PDB file of N, CA and C in Angstrom:
ATOM      1  N   MET A   1      10.017 -16.199  -6.552  1.00  0.00           N
ATOM      2  CA  MET A   1       9.650 -15.470  -7.753  1.00  0.00           C
ATOM      3  C   MET A   1      10.327 -16.150  -8.948  1.00  0.00           C
ATOM      4  N   ASN A   2       9.634 -16.183 -10.029  1.00  0.00           N
ATOM      5  CA  ASN A   2      10.108 -16.792 -11.265  1.00  0.00           C
ATOM      6  C   ASN A   2      11.335 -16.026 -11.791  1.00  0.00           C
ATOM      7  N   LYS A   3      12.413 -16.759 -12.078  1.00  0.00           N
ATOM      8  CA  LYS A   3      13.659 -16.134 -12.546  1.00  0.00           C
ATOM      9  C   LYS A   3      13.457 -15.394 -13.869  1.00  0.00           C
ATOM     10  N   THR A   4      12.674 -15.972 -14.762  1.00  0.00           N
ATOM     11  CA  THR A   4      12.423 -15.327 -16.053  1.00  0.00           C
ATOM     12  C   THR A   4      11.702 -14.000 -15.854  1.00  0.00           C
ATOM     13  N   PHE A   5      10.687 -14.026 -14.994  1.00  0.00           N
ATOM     14  CA  PHE A   5       9.961 -12.787 -14.703  1.00  0.00           C
ATOM     15  C   PHE A   5      10.910 -11.737 -14.124  1.00  0.00           C
ATOM     16  N   GLN A   6      11.759 -12.160 -13.173  1.00  0.00           N
ATOM     17  CA  GLN A   6      12.694 -11.219 -12.549  1.00  0.00           C
ATOM     18  C   GLN A   6      13.605 -10.584 -13.592  1.00  0.00           C
ATOM     19  N   GLU A   7      14.100 -11.383 -14.525  1.00  0.00           N
ATOM     20  CA  GLU A   7      14.960 -10.862 -15.589  1.00  0.00           C
ATOM     21  C   GLU A   7      14.195  -9.898 -16.491  1.00  0.00           C
ATOM     22  N   GLN A   8      12.964 -10.245 -16.803  1.00  0.00           N
ATOM     23  CA  GLN A   8      12.142  -9.379 -17.656  1.00  0.00           C
ATOM     24  C   GLN A   8      11.821  -8.062 -16.948  1.00  0.00           C
ATOM     25  N   PHE A   9      11.520  -8.144 -15.659  1.00  0.00           N
ATOM     26  CA  PHE A   9      11.225  -6.931 -14.906  1.00  0.00           C
ATOM     27  C   PHE A   9      12.477  -6.061 -14.772  1.00  0.00           C
ATOM     28  N   ASP A  10      13.618  -6.697 -14.549  1.00  0.00           N
ATOM     29  CA  ASP A  10      14.880  -5.951 -14.496  1.00  0.00           C
ATOM     30  C   ASP A  10      15.126  -5.229 -15.823  1.00  0.00           C
ATOM     31  N   GLY A  11      14.781  -5.881 -16.922  1.00  0.00           N
ATOM     32  CA  GLY A  11      14.904  -5.249 -18.234  1.00  0.00           C
ATOM     33  C   GLY A  11      13.985  -4.041 -18.363  1.00  0.00           C
ATOM     34  N   LEU A  12      12.792  -4.144 -17.800  1.00  0.00           N
ATOM     35  CA  LEU A  12      11.858  -3.022 -17.803  1.00  0.00           C
ATOM     36  C   LEU A  12      12.442  -1.838 -17.031  1.00  0.00           C
ATOM     37  N   ILE A  13      13.002  -2.107 -15.861  1.00  0.00           N
ATOM     38  CA  ILE A  13      13.607  -1.048 -15.044  1.00  0.00           C
ATOM     39  C   ILE A  13      14.808  -0.445 -15.768  1.00  0.00           C
ATOM     40  N   GLU A  14      15.603  -1.277 -16.400  1.00  0.00           N
ATOM     41  CA  GLU A  14      16.770  -0.782 -17.142  1.00  0.00           C
ATOM     42  C   GLU A  14      16.342   0.159 -18.268  1.00  0.00           C
ATOM     43  N   LYS A  15      15.336  -0.238 -19.037  1.00  0.00           N
ATOM     44  CA  LYS A  15      14.861   0.593 -20.143  1.00  0.00           C
ATOM     45  C   LYS A  15      14.194   1.867 -19.634  1.00  0.00           C
ATOM     46  N   TYR A  16      13.407   1.759 -18.574  1.00  0.00           N
ATOM     47  CA  TYR A  16      12.764   2.935 -17.985  1.00  0.00           C
ATOM     48  C   TYR A  16      13.818   3.941 -17.531  1.00  0.00           C
ATOM     49  N   THR A  17      14.856   3.449 -16.876  1.00  0.00           N
ATOM     50  CA  THR A  17      15.933   4.328 -16.416  1.00  0.00           C
ATOM     51  C   THR A  17      16.608   5.000 -17.601  1.00  0.00           C
ATOM     52  N   GLU A  18      16.880   4.242 -18.638  1.00  0.00           N
ATOM     53  CA  GLU A  18      17.513   4.800 -19.836  1.00  0.00           C
ATOM     54  C   GLU A  18      16.632   5.877 -20.476  1.00  0.00           C
ATOM     55  N   LEU A  19      15.348   5.614 -20.577  1.00  0.00           N
ATOM     56  CA  LEU A  19      14.437   6.595 -21.173  1.00  0.00           C
ATOM     57  C   LEU A  19      14.265   7.830 -20.285  1.00  0.00           C
ATOM     58  N   MET A  20      14.345   7.642 -18.980  1.00  0.00           N
ATOM     59  CA  MET A  20      14.195   8.767 -18.045  1.00  0.00           C
ATOM     60  C   MET A  20      15.414   9.682 -18.026  1.00  0.00           C
ATOM     61  N   VAL A  21      16.598   9.072 -17.955  1.00  0.00           N
ATOM     62  CA  VAL A  21      17.798   9.876 -17.699  1.00  0.00           C
ATOM     63  C   VAL A  21      18.897   9.728 -18.744  1.00  0.00           C
ATOM     64  N   GLY A  22      18.689   8.891 -19.740  1.00  0.00           N
ATOM     65  CA  GLY A  22      19.651   8.780 -20.829  1.00  0.00           C
ATOM     66  C   GLY A  22      20.735   7.749 -20.641  1.00  0.00           C
ATOM     67  N   GLU A  23      20.799   7.127 -19.496  1.00  0.00           N
ATOM     68  CA  GLU A  23      21.743   6.049 -19.233  1.00  0.00           C
ATOM     69  C   GLU A  23      21.126   5.119 -18.205  1.00  0.00           C
ATOM     70  N   SER A  24      21.737   3.943 -18.014  1.00  0.00           N
ATOM     71  CA  SER A  24      21.062   3.002 -17.116  1.00  0.00           C
ATOM     72  C   SER A  24      22.029   2.073 -16.391  1.00  0.00           C
ATOM     73  N   ASP A  25      23.045   2.630 -15.744  1.00  0.00           N
ATOM     74  CA  ASP A  25      23.913   1.760 -14.952  1.00  0.00           C
ATOM     75  C   ASP A  25      23.152   1.283 -13.710  1.00  0.00           C
ATOM     76  N   GLU A  26      23.707   0.307 -13.011  1.00  0.00           N
ATOM     77  CA  GLU A  26      22.991  -0.307 -11.893  1.00  0.00           C
ATOM     78  C   GLU A  26      22.673   0.692 -10.780  1.00  0.00           C
ATOM     79  N   GLN A  27      23.583   1.613 -10.502  1.00  0.00           N
ATOM     80  CA  GLN A  27      23.346   2.603  -9.450  1.00  0.00           C
ATOM     81  C   GLN A  27      22.172   3.511  -9.814  1.00  0.00           C
ATOM     82  N   LEU A  28      22.120   3.949 -11.062  1.00  0.00           N
ATOM     83  CA  LEU A  28      21.000   4.780 -11.496  1.00  0.00           C
ATOM     84  C   LEU A  28      19.691   3.995 -11.461  1.00  0.00           C
ATOM     85  N   GLN A  29      19.742   2.734 -11.834  1.00  0.00           N
ATOM     86  CA  GLN A  29      18.528   1.914 -11.790  1.00  0.00           C
ATOM     87  C   GLN A  29      17.996   1.818 -10.364  1.00  0.00           C
ATOM     88  N   GLU A  30      18.878   1.646  -9.397  1.00  0.00           N
ATOM     89  CA  GLU A  30      18.459   1.585  -7.999  1.00  0.00           C
ATOM     90  C   GLU A  30      17.846   2.909  -7.563  1.00  0.00           C
ATOM     91  N   LYS A  31      18.450   4.011  -7.957  1.00  0.00           N
ATOM     92  CA  LYS A  31      17.919   5.327  -7.593  1.00  0.00           C
ATOM     93  C   LYS A  31      16.557   5.557  -8.227  1.00  0.00           C
ATOM     94  N   VAL A  32      16.394   5.150  -9.483  1.00  0.00           N
ATOM     95  CA  VAL A  32      15.100   5.311 -10.152  1.00  0.00           C
ATOM     96  C   VAL A  32      14.044   4.445  -9.473  1.00  0.00           C
ATOM     97  N   LYS A  33      14.403   3.226  -9.066  1.00  0.00           N
ATOM     98  CA  LYS A  33      13.450   2.376  -8.338  1.00  0.00           C
ATOM     99  C   LYS A  33      13.024   3.044  -7.034  1.00  0.00           C
ATOM    100  N   MET A  34      14.004   3.572  -6.283  1.00  0.00           N
ATOM    101  CA  MET A  34      13.684   4.245  -5.021  1.00  0.00           C
ATOM    102  C   MET A  34      12.804   5.467  -5.270  1.00  0.00           C
ATOM    103  N   TRP A  35      13.168   6.243  -6.279  1.00  0.00           N
ATOM    104  CA  TRP A  35      12.406   7.445  -6.624  1.00  0.00           C
ATOM    105  C   TRP A  35      10.961   7.088  -6.974  1.00  0.00           C
ATOM    106  N   ALA A  36      10.790   6.073  -7.826  1.00  0.00           N
ATOM    107  CA  ALA A  36       9.445   5.684  -8.265  1.00  0.00           C
ATOM    108  C   ALA A  36       8.618   5.140  -7.100  1.00  0.00           C
ATOM    109  N   LEU A  37       9.213   4.302  -6.289  1.00  0.00           N
ATOM    110  CA  LEU A  37       8.478   3.725  -5.166  1.00  0.00           C
ATOM    111  C   LEU A  37       8.146   4.784  -4.121  1.00  0.00           C
ATOM    112  N   TYR A  38       9.097   5.658  -3.829  1.00  0.00           N
ATOM    113  CA  TYR A  38       8.846   6.734  -2.866  1.00  0.00           C
ATOM    114  C   TYR A  38       7.718   7.640  -3.361  1.00  0.00           C
ATOM    115  N   ASN A  39       7.751   7.997  -4.648  1.00  0.00           N
ATOM    116  CA  ASN A  39       6.686   8.829  -5.205  1.00  0.00           C
ATOM    117  C   ASN A  39       5.330   8.139  -5.080  1.00  0.00           C
ATOM    118  N   HIS A  40       5.294   6.856  -5.371  1.00  0.00           N
ATOM    119  CA  HIS A  40       4.032   6.115  -5.276  1.00  0.00           C
ATOM    120  C   HIS A  40       3.529   6.087  -3.831  1.00  0.00           C
ATOM    121  N   ILE A  41       4.431   5.780  -2.906  1.00  0.00           N
ATOM    122  CA  ILE A  41       4.028   5.718  -1.499  1.00  0.00           C
ATOM    123  C   ILE A  41       3.555   7.081  -1.019  1.00  0.00           C
ATOM    124  N   SER A  42       4.286   8.142  -1.405  1.00  0.00           N
ATOM    125  CA  SER A  42       3.904   9.474  -0.922  1.00  0.00           C
ATOM    126  C   SER A  42       2.551   9.915  -1.471  1.00  0.00           C
ATOM    127  N   LYS A  43       2.180   9.412  -2.650  1.00  0.00           N
ATOM    128  CA  LYS A  43       0.873   9.758  -3.222  1.00  0.00           C
ATOM    129  C   LYS A  43      -0.248   8.866  -2.691  1.00  0.00           C
ATOM    130  N   SER A  44       0.065   7.595  -2.454  1.00  0.00           N
ATOM    131  CA  SER A  44      -0.986   6.674  -2.033  1.00  0.00           C
ATOM    132  C   SER A  44      -1.154   6.604  -0.519  1.00  0.00           C
ATOM    133  N   MET A  45      -0.102   6.886   0.236  1.00  0.00           N
ATOM    134  CA  MET A  45      -0.167   6.847   1.695  1.00  0.00           C
ATOM    135  C   MET A  45       0.665   7.984   2.294  1.00  0.00           C
ATOM    136  N   PRO A  46       0.226   9.217   2.101  1.00  0.00           N
ATOM    137  CA  PRO A  46       1.010  10.357   2.601  1.00  0.00           C
ATOM    138  C   PRO A  46       1.348  10.295   4.097  1.00  0.00           C
ATOM    139  N   PRO A  47       0.433   9.816   4.965  1.00  0.00           N
ATOM    140  CA  PRO A  47       0.803   9.749   6.389  1.00  0.00           C
ATOM    141  C   PRO A  47       2.001   8.827   6.649  1.00  0.00           C
ATOM    142  N   LEU A  48       2.098   7.750   5.890  1.00  0.00           N
ATOM    143  CA  LEU A  48       3.241   6.842   6.056  1.00  0.00           C
ATOM    144  C   LEU A  48       4.539   7.550   5.677  1.00  0.00           C
ATOM    145  N   THR A  49       4.510   8.272   4.575  1.00  0.00           N
ATOM    146  CA  THR A  49       5.699   9.009   4.148  1.00  0.00           C
ATOM    147  C   THR A  49       6.073  10.063   5.180  1.00  0.00           C
ATOM    148  N   LYS A  50       5.085  10.782   5.683  1.00  0.00           N
ATOM    149  CA  LYS A  50       5.340  11.804   6.695  1.00  0.00           C
ATOM    150  C   LYS A  50       5.958  11.187   7.943  1.00  0.00           C
ATOM    151  N   HIS A  51       5.407  10.065   8.367  1.00  0.00           N
ATOM    152  CA  HIS A  51       5.939   9.368   9.541  1.00  0.00           C
ATOM    153  C   HIS A  51       7.388   8.941   9.301  1.00  0.00           C
ATOM    154  N   TRP A  52       7.660   8.350   8.163  1.00  0.00           N
ATOM    155  CA  TRP A  52       9.020   7.892   7.823  1.00  0.00           C
ATOM    156  C   TRP A  52       9.980   9.074   7.779  1.00  0.00           C
ATOM    157  N   ASN A  53       9.554  10.166   7.159  1.00  0.00           N
ATOM    158  CA  ASN A  53      10.394  11.360   7.068  1.00  0.00           C
ATOM    159  C   ASN A  53      10.752  11.894   8.460  1.00  0.00           C
ATOM    160  N   GLN A  54       9.787  11.869   9.378  1.00  0.00           N
ATOM    161  CA  GLN A  54      10.037  12.350  10.736  1.00  0.00           C
ATOM    162  C   GLN A  54      10.919  11.383  11.522  1.00  0.00           C
ATOM    163  N   LEU A  55      10.714  10.095  11.279  1.00  0.00           N
ATOM    164  CA  LEU A  55      11.461   9.066  11.997  1.00  0.00           C
ATOM    165  C   LEU A  55      12.915   9.005  11.540  1.00  0.00           C
ATOM    166  N   TYR A  56      13.140   9.239  10.244  1.00  0.00           N
ATOM    167  CA  TYR A  56      14.477   9.129   9.668  1.00  0.00           C
ATOM    168  C   TYR A  56      14.831  10.386   8.873  1.00  0.00           C
ATOM    169  N   PRO A  57      15.126  11.479   9.551  1.00  0.00           N
ATOM    170  CA  PRO A  57      15.413  12.724   8.822  1.00  0.00           C
ATOM    171  C   PRO A  57      16.633  12.627   7.901  1.00  0.00           C
ATOM    172  N   GLU A  58      17.628  11.825   8.281  1.00  0.00           N
ATOM    173  CA  GLU A  58      18.796  11.667   7.411  1.00  0.00           C
ATOM    174  C   GLU A  58      18.421  10.937   6.126  1.00  0.00           C
ATOM    175  N   ALA A  59      17.560   9.934   6.247  1.00  0.00           N
ATOM    176  CA  ALA A  59      17.097   9.200   5.069  1.00  0.00           C
ATOM    177  C   ALA A  59      16.239  10.102   4.194  1.00  0.00           C
ATOM    178  N   LYS A  60      15.434  10.952   4.821  1.00  0.00           N
ATOM    179  CA  LYS A  60      14.632  11.898   4.050  1.00  0.00           C
ATOM    180  C   LYS A  60      15.543  12.825   3.253  1.00  0.00           C
ATOM    181  N   ALA A  61      16.615  13.299   3.884  1.00  0.00           N
ATOM    182  CA  ALA A  61      17.553  14.182   3.183  1.00  0.00           C
ATOM    183  C   ALA A  61      18.194  13.462   2.004  1.00  0.00           C
ATOM    184  N   GLU A  62      18.521  12.187   2.187  1.00  0.00           N
ATOM    185  CA  GLU A  62      19.091  11.393   1.087  1.00  0.00           C
ATOM    186  C   GLU A  62      18.066  11.217  -0.027  1.00  0.00           C
ATOM    187  N   MET A  63      16.805  10.982   0.345  1.00  0.00           N
ATOM    188  CA  MET A  63      15.752  10.826  -0.657  1.00  0.00           C
ATOM    189  C   MET A  63      15.557  12.119  -1.430  1.00  0.00           C
ATOM    190  N   VAL A  64      15.621  13.243  -0.752  1.00  0.00           N
ATOM    191  CA  VAL A  64      15.501  14.542  -1.417  1.00  0.00           C
ATOM    192  C   VAL A  64      16.617  14.692  -2.454  1.00  0.00           C
ATOM    193  N   GLU A  65      17.829  14.266  -2.107  1.00  0.00           N
ATOM    194  CA  GLU A  65      18.953  14.340  -3.046  1.00  0.00           C
ATOM    195  C   GLU A  65      18.737  13.424  -4.254  1.00  0.00           C
ATOM    196  N   ILE A  66      18.209  12.229  -4.004  1.00  0.00           N
ATOM    197  CA  ILE A  66      17.933  11.300  -5.101  1.00  0.00           C
ATOM    198  C   ILE A  66      16.876  11.887  -6.029  1.00  0.00           C
ATOM    199  N   VAL A  67      15.812  12.425  -5.472  1.00  0.00           N
ATOM    200  CA  VAL A  67      14.745  13.039  -6.272  1.00  0.00           C
ATOM    201  C   VAL A  67      15.314  14.188  -7.103  1.00  0.00           C
ATOM    202  N   LYS A  68      16.134  15.009  -6.472  1.00  0.00           N
ATOM    203  CA  LYS A  68      16.753  16.149  -7.170  1.00  0.00           C
ATOM    204  C   LYS A  68      17.648  15.655  -8.316  1.00  0.00           C
ATOM    205  N   GLU A  69      18.450  14.621  -8.041  1.00  0.00           N
ATOM    206  CA  GLU A  69      19.337  14.086  -9.070  1.00  0.00           C
ATOM    207  C   GLU A  69      18.558  13.521 -10.254  1.00  0.00           C
ATOM    208  N   ILE A  70      17.531  12.734  -9.986  1.00  0.00           N
ATOM    209  CA  ILE A  70      16.726  12.144 -11.058  1.00  0.00           C
ATOM    210  C   ILE A  70      16.062  13.256 -11.870  1.00  0.00           C
ATOM    211  N   LYS A  71      15.542  14.262 -11.200  1.00  0.00           N
ATOM    212  CA  LYS A  71      14.893  15.379 -11.896  1.00  0.00           C
ATOM    213  C   LYS A  71      15.886  16.107 -12.799  1.00  0.00           C
ATOM    214  N   GLU A  72      17.064  16.389 -12.287  1.00  0.00           N
ATOM    215  CA  GLU A  72      18.075  17.091 -13.080  1.00  0.00           C
ATOM    216  C   GLU A  72      18.539  16.257 -14.274  1.00  0.00           C
ATOM    217  N   LEU A  73      18.768  14.967 -14.039  1.00  0.00           N
ATOM    218  CA  LEU A  73      19.183  14.089 -15.135  1.00  0.00           C
ATOM    219  C   LEU A  73      18.095  13.984 -16.197  1.00  0.00           C
ATOM    220  N   ASN A  74      16.834  13.902 -15.765  1.00  0.00           N
ATOM    221  CA  ASN A  74      15.724  13.812 -16.697  1.00  0.00           C
ATOM    222  C   ASN A  74      15.609  15.088 -17.525  1.00  0.00           C
ATOM    223  N   GLU A  75      15.719  16.230 -16.875  1.00  0.00           N
ATOM    224  CA  GLU A  75      15.628  17.497 -17.599  1.00  0.00           C
ATOM    225  C   GLU A  75      16.776  17.643 -18.598  1.00  0.00           C
ATOM    226  N   ALA A  76      17.986  17.258 -18.201  1.00  0.00           N
ATOM    227  CA  ALA A  76      19.133  17.337 -19.106  1.00  0.00           C
ATOM    228  C   ALA A  76      18.956  16.387 -20.285  1.00  0.00           C
ATOM    229  N   HIS A  77      18.441  15.199 -20.019  1.00  0.00           N
ATOM    230  CA  HIS A  77      18.217  14.210 -21.088  1.00  0.00           C
ATOM    231  C   HIS A  77      17.164  14.718 -22.071  1.00  0.00           C
ATOM    232  N   ARG A  78      16.081  15.281 -21.556  1.00  0.00           N
ATOM    233  CA  ARG A  78      15.029  15.804 -22.437  1.00  0.00           C
ATOM    234  C   ARG A  78      15.551  16.976 -23.246  1.00  0.00           C
ATOM    235  N   ALA A  79      16.335  17.838 -22.640  1.00  0.00           N
ATOM    236  CA  ALA A  79      16.902  18.992 -23.366  1.00  0.00           C
ATOM    237  C   ALA A  79      17.844  18.527 -24.471  1.00  0.00           C
ATOM    238  N   ALA A  80      18.626  17.501 -24.193  1.00  0.00           N
ATOM    239  CA  ALA A  80      19.555  16.977 -25.194  1.00  0.00           C
ATOM    240  C   ALA A  80      18.795  16.356 -26.367  1.00  0.00           C
ATOM    241  N   GLN A  81      17.650  15.768 -26.114  1.00  0.00           N
ATOM    242  CA  GLN A  81      16.850  15.160 -27.180  1.00  0.00           C
ATOM    243  C   GLN A  81      16.206  16.214 -28.056  1.00  0.00           C
ATOM    244  N   ARG A  82      15.942  17.383 -27.511  1.00  0.00           N
ATOM    245  CA  ARG A  82      15.283  18.444 -28.278  1.00  0.00           C
ATOM    246  C   ARG A  82      16.252  19.205 -29.191  1.00  0.00           C
ATOM    247  N   LYS A  83      17.533  19.154 -28.866  1.00  0.00           N
ATOM    248  CA  LYS A  83      18.516  19.908 -29.640  1.00  0.00           C
ATOM    249  C   LYS A  83      18.624  19.340 -31.051  1.00  0.00           C
ATOM    250  N   PRO A  84      18.539  20.205 -32.068  1.00  0.00           N
ATOM    251  CA  PRO A  84      18.777  19.725 -33.428  1.00  0.00           C
ATOM    252  C   PRO A  84      20.265  19.455 -33.620  1.00  0.00           C
ATOM    253  N   GLU A  85      20.560  18.396 -34.345  1.00  0.00           N
ATOM    254  CA  GLU A  85      21.971  18.036 -34.541  1.00  0.00           C
ATOM    255  C   GLU A  85      22.493  18.560 -35.847  1.00  0.00           C
TER     256      GLU A  85
END
């Protein structure tokens, strides 16, 4: 893969994470990538997601926590943006 493209795509993920949750450290970027990819897979190939969830219940529980964390961070970020200063 082209190094320039990889850097540009990493920048896209960094900005997306910042816009979603208000910050964009590397750990959050990884969680947002997992969240986005899992959501896409679950919508485009639900049987695959169901199979994976059954095969790896501990991983499913971790994914549920990641989804919950991203949702909470996003809601808090949106609420903070709405507050008048």
